[in-house]
Amino acid sequence: MSQVLSMWTKLSPLPLGARVFSFAFSQKAPYFATIRPRFTVLEPHRAELVIRKRRGVHNHLGTVHAIALCNGLEAVMGALAEATIPADRRWIPQAMEVRYTAKATTDVTCVAQTDPEQWTGLADTGSEVAVRVHGTREDGTVVVEGTIRLWVTPKKRPAPAAQQARSA
C-alpha cells in the first residue's frame, strides 16, 4: 500500500481525519492548497475531492474559476495515481485535456478514475496511462471533464554496493 493510501486509510475514519489528510496532501504540492481540497474518497482507481465555492476561487462571474477546477482535477488525479501505481513505478503528468461544460455555480466534486488493466503490462521504457477526470456541481451537472495523461516509468534502481563504493 502506498504511503498516501496508507495515510488516508488511517486518518479518514477519524473525526476531522479527512480534513487532516487533505491539508497534509496539499502541503506536498503547495499550489493545491489554493483550492483547499477536501478529499472524500481515495482508493485504487478512484479518488474524489470537493472544492468549496468561495471567493478565493471565484472568477469575474462569481463562479469557480476554470483554473481552480483544473487544479482540483490535477490534485484528485495525483491522489489516485499515488494510491494505484505499482510500487516499482513512478509517474509524472504528461498532458491535460479538459472541456468546460457548464458554470460551476456551487461546490464542485472532482473525480478521477482508471481501470485496473491500465496499470498492468507497463513497459520498462515507459507507458502512458490516461486518467479520466470530471467535476460536478451539487445538482449533478458536469462542469468540467477530460483526461490527464500520465507517463509511468520504472523507479530508478540504486547502483549495486560495489559500484557505489568505487564511485565514493
N, C-alpha and C. Protein backbone atom coordinates (compact mmCIF):
# COMPACT_ATOMS: atom_id res chain seq x y z
N MET A 1 0.85 -1.18 0.00
CA MET A 1 0.00 0.00 0.00
C MET A 1 0.89 1.24 0.00
N SER A 2 0.57 2.20 -0.85
CA SER A 2 1.37 3.42 -0.93
C SER A 2 1.26 4.23 0.35
N GLN A 3 2.22 5.13 0.54
CA GLN A 3 2.22 6.00 1.71
C GLN A 3 0.96 6.88 1.75
N VAL A 4 0.55 7.39 0.59
CA VAL A 4 -0.64 8.25 0.52
C VAL A 4 -1.89 7.46 0.89
N LEU A 5 -2.05 6.27 0.31
CA LEU A 5 -3.22 5.45 0.60
C LEU A 5 -3.21 4.99 2.06
N SER A 6 -2.05 4.65 2.57
CA SER A 6 -1.93 4.25 3.98
C SER A 6 -2.35 5.39 4.92
N MET A 7 -1.90 6.60 4.61
CA MET A 7 -2.27 7.75 5.44
C MET A 7 -3.77 7.99 5.38
N TRP A 8 -4.37 7.89 4.18
CA TRP A 8 -5.82 8.06 4.04
C TRP A 8 -6.56 7.00 4.87
N THR A 9 -6.12 5.75 4.75
CA THR A 9 -6.77 4.65 5.45
C THR A 9 -6.74 4.85 6.96
N LYS A 10 -5.64 5.39 7.47
CA LYS A 10 -5.51 5.63 8.91
C LYS A 10 -6.30 6.86 9.37
N LEU A 11 -6.27 7.91 8.58
CA LEU A 11 -6.86 9.18 9.02
C LEU A 11 -8.35 9.33 8.72
N SER A 12 -8.79 8.88 7.56
CA SER A 12 -10.16 9.19 7.13
C SER A 12 -11.25 8.72 8.08
N PRO A 13 -11.09 7.60 8.81
CA PRO A 13 -12.17 7.22 9.73
C PRO A 13 -12.24 8.09 11.00
N LEU A 14 -11.19 8.85 11.27
CA LEU A 14 -11.13 9.65 12.49
C LEU A 14 -11.94 10.94 12.34
N PRO A 15 -12.43 11.50 13.46
CA PRO A 15 -13.07 12.82 13.37
C PRO A 15 -12.07 13.83 12.79
N LEU A 16 -12.47 14.54 11.80
CA LEU A 16 -11.63 15.52 11.09
C LEU A 16 -10.45 14.88 10.36
N GLY A 17 -10.41 13.56 10.30
CA GLY A 17 -9.30 12.87 9.65
C GLY A 17 -9.16 13.18 8.18
N ALA A 18 -10.29 13.26 7.47
CA ALA A 18 -10.24 13.58 6.04
C ALA A 18 -9.69 15.00 5.83
N ARG A 19 -10.03 15.90 6.72
CA ARG A 19 -9.50 17.28 6.61
C ARG A 19 -8.01 17.32 6.89
N VAL A 20 -7.57 16.56 7.88
CA VAL A 20 -6.14 16.50 8.18
C VAL A 20 -5.39 15.93 6.98
N PHE A 21 -5.91 14.85 6.41
CA PHE A 21 -5.29 14.26 5.22
C PHE A 21 -5.24 15.29 4.09
N SER A 22 -6.35 15.96 3.84
CA SER A 22 -6.42 16.93 2.75
C SER A 22 -5.40 18.05 2.92
N PHE A 23 -5.25 18.52 4.15
CA PHE A 23 -4.26 19.56 4.44
C PHE A 23 -2.85 19.02 4.19
N ALA A 24 -2.56 17.83 4.69
CA ALA A 24 -1.24 17.23 4.51
C ALA A 24 -0.93 17.01 3.03
N PHE A 25 -1.90 16.53 2.28
CA PHE A 25 -1.71 16.30 0.85
C PHE A 25 -1.39 17.62 0.16
N SER A 26 -2.06 18.68 0.54
CA SER A 26 -1.83 19.99 -0.06
C SER A 26 -0.44 20.53 0.26
N GLN A 27 0.15 20.11 1.34
CA GLN A 27 1.49 20.57 1.68
C GLN A 27 2.55 19.91 0.81
N LYS A 28 2.26 18.74 0.30
CA LYS A 28 3.19 18.03 -0.58
C LYS A 28 3.39 18.81 -1.89
N ALA A 29 2.33 19.38 -2.41
CA ALA A 29 2.38 20.24 -3.60
C ALA A 29 1.61 21.51 -3.21
N PRO A 30 2.30 22.51 -2.68
CA PRO A 30 1.63 23.66 -2.07
C PRO A 30 0.62 24.39 -2.95
N TYR A 31 0.75 24.35 -4.26
CA TYR A 31 -0.22 25.03 -5.11
C TYR A 31 -1.62 24.46 -4.91
N PHE A 32 -1.73 23.18 -4.58
CA PHE A 32 -3.04 22.57 -4.33
C PHE A 32 -3.76 23.27 -3.17
N ALA A 33 -3.02 23.83 -2.25
CA ALA A 33 -3.63 24.50 -1.10
C ALA A 33 -4.48 25.70 -1.52
N THR A 34 -4.25 26.24 -2.70
CA THR A 34 -5.03 27.41 -3.13
C THR A 34 -6.51 27.09 -3.30
N ILE A 35 -6.84 25.82 -3.54
CA ILE A 35 -8.25 25.45 -3.69
C ILE A 35 -8.81 24.82 -2.42
N ARG A 36 -7.95 24.59 -1.43
CA ARG A 36 -8.36 23.95 -0.18
C ARG A 36 -9.16 22.67 -0.44
N PRO A 37 -8.56 21.70 -1.11
CA PRO A 37 -9.30 20.48 -1.45
C PRO A 37 -9.72 19.72 -0.20
N ARG A 38 -10.90 19.11 -0.27
CA ARG A 38 -11.39 18.27 0.82
C ARG A 38 -11.64 16.88 0.22
N PHE A 39 -10.71 15.96 0.44
CA PHE A 39 -10.85 14.61 -0.11
C PHE A 39 -11.99 13.88 0.59
N THR A 40 -12.76 13.15 -0.20
CA THR A 40 -13.88 12.37 0.33
C THR A 40 -13.75 10.89 0.02
N VAL A 41 -13.01 10.53 -1.03
CA VAL A 41 -12.80 9.14 -1.43
C VAL A 41 -11.36 9.01 -1.91
N LEU A 42 -10.69 7.96 -1.47
CA LEU A 42 -9.37 7.63 -2.02
C LEU A 42 -9.20 6.12 -1.93
N GLU A 43 -9.11 5.51 -3.09
CA GLU A 43 -8.89 4.07 -3.19
C GLU A 43 -8.22 3.83 -4.54
N PRO A 44 -7.64 2.65 -4.73
CA PRO A 44 -7.07 2.38 -6.04
C PRO A 44 -8.13 2.58 -7.13
N HIS A 45 -7.76 3.27 -8.17
CA HIS A 45 -8.58 3.51 -9.36
C HIS A 45 -9.70 4.53 -9.18
N ARG A 46 -9.82 5.15 -8.01
CA ARG A 46 -10.86 6.19 -7.83
C ARG A 46 -10.47 7.12 -6.68
N ALA A 47 -10.65 8.40 -6.95
CA ALA A 47 -10.46 9.41 -5.90
C ALA A 47 -11.46 10.53 -6.14
N GLU A 48 -11.88 11.17 -5.05
CA GLU A 48 -12.81 12.29 -5.12
C GLU A 48 -12.40 13.35 -4.11
N LEU A 49 -12.60 14.60 -4.49
CA LEU A 49 -12.40 15.71 -3.57
C LEU A 49 -13.43 16.79 -3.89
N VAL A 50 -13.62 17.69 -2.93
CA VAL A 50 -14.56 18.79 -3.11
C VAL A 50 -13.80 20.10 -3.05
N ILE A 51 -14.12 20.96 -4.00
CA ILE A 51 -13.66 22.36 -3.97
C ILE A 51 -14.87 23.19 -3.54
N ARG A 52 -14.74 23.86 -2.40
CA ARG A 52 -15.84 24.71 -1.95
C ARG A 52 -15.89 25.98 -2.80
N LYS A 53 -17.09 26.40 -3.15
CA LYS A 53 -17.27 27.66 -3.88
C LYS A 53 -17.12 28.78 -2.86
N ARG A 54 -16.02 29.49 -2.95
CA ARG A 54 -15.73 30.60 -2.05
C ARG A 54 -14.99 31.67 -2.84
N ARG A 55 -14.97 32.85 -2.31
CA ARG A 55 -14.40 33.99 -3.02
C ARG A 55 -12.99 33.73 -3.54
N GLY A 56 -12.16 33.03 -2.81
CA GLY A 56 -10.77 32.79 -3.20
C GLY A 56 -10.60 31.98 -4.48
N VAL A 57 -11.66 31.30 -4.95
CA VAL A 57 -11.57 30.53 -6.19
C VAL A 57 -12.52 31.06 -7.26
N HIS A 58 -13.12 32.23 -7.01
CA HIS A 58 -14.08 32.80 -7.98
C HIS A 58 -13.38 33.43 -9.18
N ASN A 59 -14.10 33.45 -10.28
CA ASN A 59 -13.71 34.23 -11.44
C ASN A 59 -14.52 35.54 -11.43
N HIS A 60 -14.49 36.28 -12.51
CA HIS A 60 -15.21 37.56 -12.58
C HIS A 60 -16.73 37.38 -12.60
N LEU A 61 -17.21 36.15 -12.85
CA LEU A 61 -18.66 35.88 -12.86
C LEU A 61 -19.18 35.43 -11.49
N GLY A 62 -18.25 35.20 -10.55
CA GLY A 62 -18.66 34.71 -9.23
C GLY A 62 -18.84 33.20 -9.19
N THR A 63 -18.34 32.51 -10.22
CA THR A 63 -18.38 31.05 -10.23
C THR A 63 -16.96 30.52 -10.00
N VAL A 64 -16.82 29.21 -9.81
CA VAL A 64 -15.49 28.64 -9.59
C VAL A 64 -14.68 28.78 -10.88
N HIS A 65 -13.50 29.36 -10.75
CA HIS A 65 -12.63 29.66 -11.88
C HIS A 65 -12.17 28.38 -12.58
N ALA A 66 -12.02 28.45 -13.91
CA ALA A 66 -11.60 27.30 -14.71
C ALA A 66 -10.27 26.73 -14.23
N ILE A 67 -9.33 27.56 -13.86
CA ILE A 67 -8.03 27.05 -13.43
C ILE A 67 -8.13 26.41 -12.05
N ALA A 68 -9.01 26.91 -11.19
CA ALA A 68 -9.25 26.24 -9.90
C ALA A 68 -9.80 24.84 -10.15
N LEU A 69 -10.69 24.72 -11.14
CA LEU A 69 -11.22 23.39 -11.50
C LEU A 69 -10.10 22.48 -11.97
N CYS A 70 -9.22 22.99 -12.83
CA CYS A 70 -8.08 22.18 -13.31
C CYS A 70 -7.17 21.78 -12.16
N ASN A 71 -6.96 22.70 -11.23
CA ASN A 71 -6.15 22.41 -10.05
C ASN A 71 -6.78 21.27 -9.26
N GLY A 72 -8.09 21.29 -9.09
CA GLY A 72 -8.78 20.20 -8.39
C GLY A 72 -8.67 18.89 -9.13
N LEU A 73 -8.80 18.93 -10.46
CA LEU A 73 -8.67 17.70 -11.25
C LEU A 73 -7.26 17.14 -11.14
N GLU A 74 -6.26 18.00 -11.17
CA GLU A 74 -4.88 17.51 -11.06
C GLU A 74 -4.61 16.94 -9.67
N ALA A 75 -5.13 17.58 -8.64
CA ALA A 75 -4.94 17.07 -7.27
C ALA A 75 -5.59 15.70 -7.10
N VAL A 76 -6.82 15.56 -7.57
CA VAL A 76 -7.52 14.29 -7.41
C VAL A 76 -6.85 13.19 -8.24
N MET A 77 -6.34 13.57 -9.43
CA MET A 77 -5.60 12.61 -10.24
C MET A 77 -4.33 12.17 -9.53
N GLY A 78 -3.62 13.11 -8.91
CA GLY A 78 -2.39 12.78 -8.21
C GLY A 78 -2.62 11.82 -7.07
N ALA A 79 -3.70 12.03 -6.33
CA ALA A 79 -4.03 11.12 -5.23
C ALA A 79 -4.35 9.73 -5.77
N LEU A 80 -5.14 9.67 -6.85
CA LEU A 80 -5.45 8.38 -7.47
C LEU A 80 -4.17 7.69 -7.92
N ALA A 81 -3.29 8.42 -8.59
CA ALA A 81 -2.04 7.83 -9.09
C ALA A 81 -1.22 7.26 -7.94
N GLU A 82 -1.11 8.02 -6.86
CA GLU A 82 -0.34 7.54 -5.70
C GLU A 82 -0.98 6.30 -5.06
N ALA A 83 -2.29 6.25 -5.06
CA ALA A 83 -3.00 5.11 -4.45
C ALA A 83 -3.01 3.88 -5.35
N THR A 84 -2.72 4.04 -6.63
CA THR A 84 -2.90 2.97 -7.60
C THR A 84 -1.61 2.43 -8.18
N ILE A 85 -0.62 3.25 -8.35
CA ILE A 85 0.58 2.87 -9.10
C ILE A 85 1.32 1.70 -8.43
N PRO A 86 1.83 0.76 -9.23
CA PRO A 86 2.64 -0.32 -8.65
C PRO A 86 3.86 0.25 -7.92
N ALA A 87 4.30 -0.44 -6.88
CA ALA A 87 5.38 0.06 -6.02
C ALA A 87 6.69 0.28 -6.76
N ASP A 88 6.91 -0.40 -7.87
CA ASP A 88 8.17 -0.27 -8.60
C ASP A 88 8.12 0.79 -9.71
N ARG A 89 7.06 1.61 -9.71
CA ARG A 89 6.87 2.60 -10.76
C ARG A 89 6.77 4.01 -10.19
N ARG A 90 6.95 4.98 -11.07
CA ARG A 90 6.73 6.38 -10.73
C ARG A 90 5.97 7.01 -11.89
N TRP A 91 5.40 8.18 -11.63
CA TRP A 91 4.56 8.82 -12.65
C TRP A 91 4.84 10.31 -12.68
N ILE A 92 4.50 10.90 -13.82
CA ILE A 92 4.55 12.35 -13.96
C ILE A 92 3.44 12.73 -14.94
N PRO A 93 2.74 13.84 -14.69
CA PRO A 93 1.72 14.25 -15.65
C PRO A 93 2.38 14.64 -16.98
N GLN A 94 1.74 14.23 -18.07
CA GLN A 94 2.28 14.50 -19.39
C GLN A 94 1.40 15.46 -20.19
N ALA A 95 0.09 15.37 -19.99
CA ALA A 95 -0.84 16.23 -20.73
C ALA A 95 -2.17 16.28 -20.00
N MET A 96 -2.90 17.36 -20.24
CA MET A 96 -4.24 17.51 -19.66
C MET A 96 -5.14 18.10 -20.74
N GLU A 97 -6.24 17.42 -20.98
CA GLU A 97 -7.23 17.90 -21.93
C GLU A 97 -8.55 18.02 -21.19
N VAL A 98 -9.13 19.22 -21.19
CA VAL A 98 -10.40 19.43 -20.48
C VAL A 98 -11.37 20.21 -21.34
N ARG A 99 -12.64 19.99 -21.04
CA ARG A 99 -13.74 20.76 -21.64
C ARG A 99 -14.57 21.31 -20.50
N TYR A 100 -14.90 22.59 -20.58
CA TYR A 100 -15.77 23.21 -19.60
C TYR A 100 -17.18 23.12 -20.16
N THR A 101 -18.06 22.48 -19.43
CA THR A 101 -19.38 22.15 -19.98
C THR A 101 -20.54 22.91 -19.34
N ALA A 102 -20.31 23.56 -18.21
CA ALA A 102 -21.35 24.34 -17.54
C ALA A 102 -20.68 25.23 -16.51
N LYS A 103 -21.40 26.23 -16.03
CA LYS A 103 -20.87 27.12 -14.99
C LYS A 103 -20.80 26.37 -13.66
N ALA A 104 -19.73 26.60 -12.95
CA ALA A 104 -19.52 25.99 -11.63
C ALA A 104 -20.09 26.91 -10.57
N THR A 105 -21.39 26.84 -10.37
CA THR A 105 -22.12 27.77 -9.51
C THR A 105 -22.27 27.30 -8.07
N THR A 106 -21.75 26.11 -7.74
CA THR A 106 -21.82 25.56 -6.39
C THR A 106 -20.46 24.95 -6.06
N ASP A 107 -20.36 24.32 -4.88
CA ASP A 107 -19.20 23.49 -4.61
C ASP A 107 -19.07 22.49 -5.76
N VAL A 108 -17.84 22.08 -6.05
CA VAL A 108 -17.61 21.14 -7.15
C VAL A 108 -16.90 19.90 -6.62
N THR A 109 -17.45 18.74 -6.97
CA THR A 109 -16.81 17.46 -6.64
C THR A 109 -15.98 17.02 -7.84
N CYS A 110 -14.68 16.87 -7.63
CA CYS A 110 -13.76 16.43 -8.67
C CYS A 110 -13.51 14.94 -8.49
N VAL A 111 -13.57 14.20 -9.59
CA VAL A 111 -13.42 12.74 -9.56
C VAL A 111 -12.36 12.33 -10.57
N ALA A 112 -11.52 11.37 -10.19
CA ALA A 112 -10.54 10.76 -11.10
C ALA A 112 -10.75 9.26 -11.07
N GLN A 113 -10.67 8.62 -12.25
CA GLN A 113 -10.89 7.18 -12.34
C GLN A 113 -9.97 6.55 -13.37
N THR A 114 -9.56 5.32 -13.09
CA THR A 114 -8.87 4.47 -14.06
C THR A 114 -9.45 3.07 -13.94
N ASP A 115 -9.07 2.22 -14.88
CA ASP A 115 -9.44 0.81 -14.84
C ASP A 115 -8.20 0.00 -14.44
N PRO A 116 -8.37 -1.10 -13.71
CA PRO A 116 -7.21 -1.89 -13.27
C PRO A 116 -6.27 -2.29 -14.41
N GLU A 117 -6.82 -2.65 -15.57
CA GLU A 117 -5.97 -3.12 -16.66
C GLU A 117 -5.06 -2.02 -17.21
N GLN A 118 -5.36 -0.76 -16.93
CA GLN A 118 -4.49 0.32 -17.38
C GLN A 118 -3.13 0.29 -16.68
N TRP A 119 -3.07 -0.33 -15.54
CA TRP A 119 -1.85 -0.34 -14.73
C TRP A 119 -1.09 -1.66 -14.85
N THR A 120 -1.53 -2.56 -15.72
CA THR A 120 -0.83 -3.84 -15.90
C THR A 120 -0.10 -3.81 -17.24
N GLY A 121 0.97 -4.57 -17.34
CA GLY A 121 1.72 -4.65 -18.59
C GLY A 121 2.43 -3.36 -18.95
N LEU A 122 2.82 -2.58 -17.95
CA LEU A 122 3.52 -1.32 -18.21
C LEU A 122 4.92 -1.61 -18.75
N ALA A 123 5.31 -0.92 -19.80
CA ALA A 123 6.61 -1.15 -20.44
C ALA A 123 7.74 -0.57 -19.61
N ASP A 124 8.92 -1.21 -19.68
CA ASP A 124 10.09 -0.70 -18.97
C ASP A 124 10.62 0.59 -19.59
N THR A 125 10.23 0.87 -20.81
CA THR A 125 10.64 2.11 -21.46
C THR A 125 9.68 3.25 -21.16
N GLY A 126 8.57 2.94 -20.49
CA GLY A 126 7.57 3.94 -20.15
C GLY A 126 6.25 3.65 -20.84
N SER A 127 5.17 4.00 -20.15
CA SER A 127 3.83 3.78 -20.69
C SER A 127 2.95 4.97 -20.33
N GLU A 128 2.00 5.24 -21.20
CA GLU A 128 1.03 6.29 -20.92
C GLU A 128 -0.19 5.67 -20.24
N VAL A 129 -0.66 6.33 -19.19
CA VAL A 129 -1.90 5.94 -18.52
C VAL A 129 -2.82 7.15 -18.55
N ALA A 130 -4.00 6.96 -19.13
CA ALA A 130 -4.98 8.04 -19.25
C ALA A 130 -5.94 7.97 -18.06
N VAL A 131 -5.97 9.04 -17.29
CA VAL A 131 -6.86 9.13 -16.13
C VAL A 131 -8.07 9.98 -16.52
N ARG A 132 -9.26 9.40 -16.39
CA ARG A 132 -10.50 10.13 -16.69
C ARG A 132 -10.83 11.02 -15.49
N VAL A 133 -11.14 12.28 -15.76
CA VAL A 133 -11.45 13.23 -14.70
C VAL A 133 -12.71 14.02 -15.06
N HIS A 134 -13.44 14.40 -14.03
CA HIS A 134 -14.59 15.28 -14.24
C HIS A 134 -14.92 15.97 -12.92
N GLY A 135 -15.66 17.07 -13.04
CA GLY A 135 -16.14 17.81 -11.89
C GLY A 135 -17.62 18.06 -12.03
N THR A 136 -18.35 17.91 -10.93
CA THR A 136 -19.80 18.11 -10.97
C THR A 136 -20.24 19.10 -9.91
N ARG A 137 -21.30 19.84 -10.25
CA ARG A 137 -21.96 20.72 -9.28
C ARG A 137 -22.76 19.86 -8.31
N GLU A 138 -23.30 20.50 -7.29
CA GLU A 138 -24.12 19.80 -6.30
C GLU A 138 -25.37 19.17 -6.90
N ASP A 139 -25.88 19.73 -8.02
CA ASP A 139 -27.07 19.16 -8.65
C ASP A 139 -26.74 18.02 -9.63
N GLY A 140 -25.46 17.63 -9.70
CA GLY A 140 -25.04 16.54 -10.58
C GLY A 140 -24.61 16.96 -11.97
N THR A 141 -24.74 18.23 -12.30
CA THR A 141 -24.34 18.72 -13.61
C THR A 141 -22.82 18.70 -13.75
N VAL A 142 -22.33 18.11 -14.83
CA VAL A 142 -20.89 18.09 -15.09
C VAL A 142 -20.47 19.48 -15.56
N VAL A 143 -19.48 20.06 -14.88
CA VAL A 143 -19.00 21.40 -15.24
C VAL A 143 -17.66 21.35 -15.96
N VAL A 144 -16.92 20.28 -15.79
CA VAL A 144 -15.63 20.11 -16.47
C VAL A 144 -15.40 18.61 -16.61
N GLU A 145 -14.81 18.21 -17.74
CA GLU A 145 -14.49 16.80 -17.94
C GLU A 145 -13.27 16.72 -18.84
N GLY A 146 -12.55 15.62 -18.72
CA GLY A 146 -11.38 15.47 -19.56
C GLY A 146 -10.53 14.27 -19.20
N THR A 147 -9.29 14.35 -19.64
CA THR A 147 -8.32 13.28 -19.43
C THR A 147 -7.00 13.91 -19.02
N ILE A 148 -6.34 13.30 -18.05
CA ILE A 148 -4.98 13.67 -17.71
C ILE A 148 -4.11 12.46 -18.03
N ARG A 149 -3.12 12.66 -18.89
CA ARG A 149 -2.25 11.57 -19.31
C ARG A 149 -0.99 11.57 -18.47
N LEU A 150 -0.71 10.41 -17.90
CA LEU A 150 0.49 10.22 -17.08
C LEU A 150 1.53 9.44 -17.87
N TRP A 151 2.78 9.74 -17.62
CA TRP A 151 3.88 8.95 -18.15
C TRP A 151 4.41 8.13 -16.97
N VAL A 152 4.31 6.82 -17.09
CA VAL A 152 4.66 5.90 -16.00
C VAL A 152 5.92 5.14 -16.39
N THR A 153 6.95 5.21 -15.54
CA THR A 153 8.22 4.54 -15.80
C THR A 153 8.66 3.77 -14.57
N PRO A 154 9.62 2.83 -14.75
CA PRO A 154 10.17 2.16 -13.58
C PRO A 154 10.92 3.16 -12.70
N LYS A 155 10.91 2.91 -11.40
CA LYS A 155 11.73 3.73 -10.50
C LYS A 155 13.19 3.40 -10.78
N LYS A 156 14.04 4.39 -10.59
CA LYS A 156 15.48 4.14 -10.77
C LYS A 156 15.93 3.18 -9.68
N ARG A 157 16.74 2.24 -10.09
CA ARG A 157 17.26 1.27 -9.12
C ARG A 157 18.60 1.79 -8.60
N PRO A 158 18.86 1.62 -7.30
CA PRO A 158 20.15 2.07 -6.77
C PRO A 158 21.28 1.22 -7.35
N ALA A 159 22.42 1.83 -7.52
CA ALA A 159 23.59 1.11 -8.03
C ALA A 159 24.00 0.03 -7.04
N PRO A 160 24.51 -1.10 -7.53
CA PRO A 160 24.99 -2.14 -6.61
C PRO A 160 26.04 -1.58 -5.67
N ALA A 161 26.18 -2.18 -4.49
CA ALA A 161 27.08 -1.68 -3.45
C ALA A 161 28.51 -1.55 -3.94
N ALA A 162 28.97 -2.46 -4.76
CA ALA A 162 30.36 -2.41 -5.26
C ALA A 162 30.56 -1.16 -6.12
N GLN A 163 29.58 -0.82 -6.95
CA GLN A 163 29.71 0.38 -7.78
C GLN A 163 29.66 1.64 -6.91
N GLN A 164 28.83 1.63 -5.89
CA GLN A 164 28.74 2.79 -5.00
C GLN A 164 30.07 3.01 -4.29
N ALA A 165 30.72 1.91 -3.85
CA ALA A 165 31.98 2.02 -3.13
C ALA A 165 33.07 2.58 -4.05
N ARG A 166 33.09 2.14 -5.32
CA ARG A 166 34.10 2.62 -6.27
C ARG A 166 33.93 4.10 -6.59
N SER A 167 32.68 4.56 -6.65
CA SER A 167 32.44 5.95 -7.01
C SER A 167 32.63 6.90 -5.84
N ALA A 168 32.81 6.37 -4.64
CA ALA A 168 32.94 7.24 -3.46
C ALA A 168 34.34 7.75 -3.29
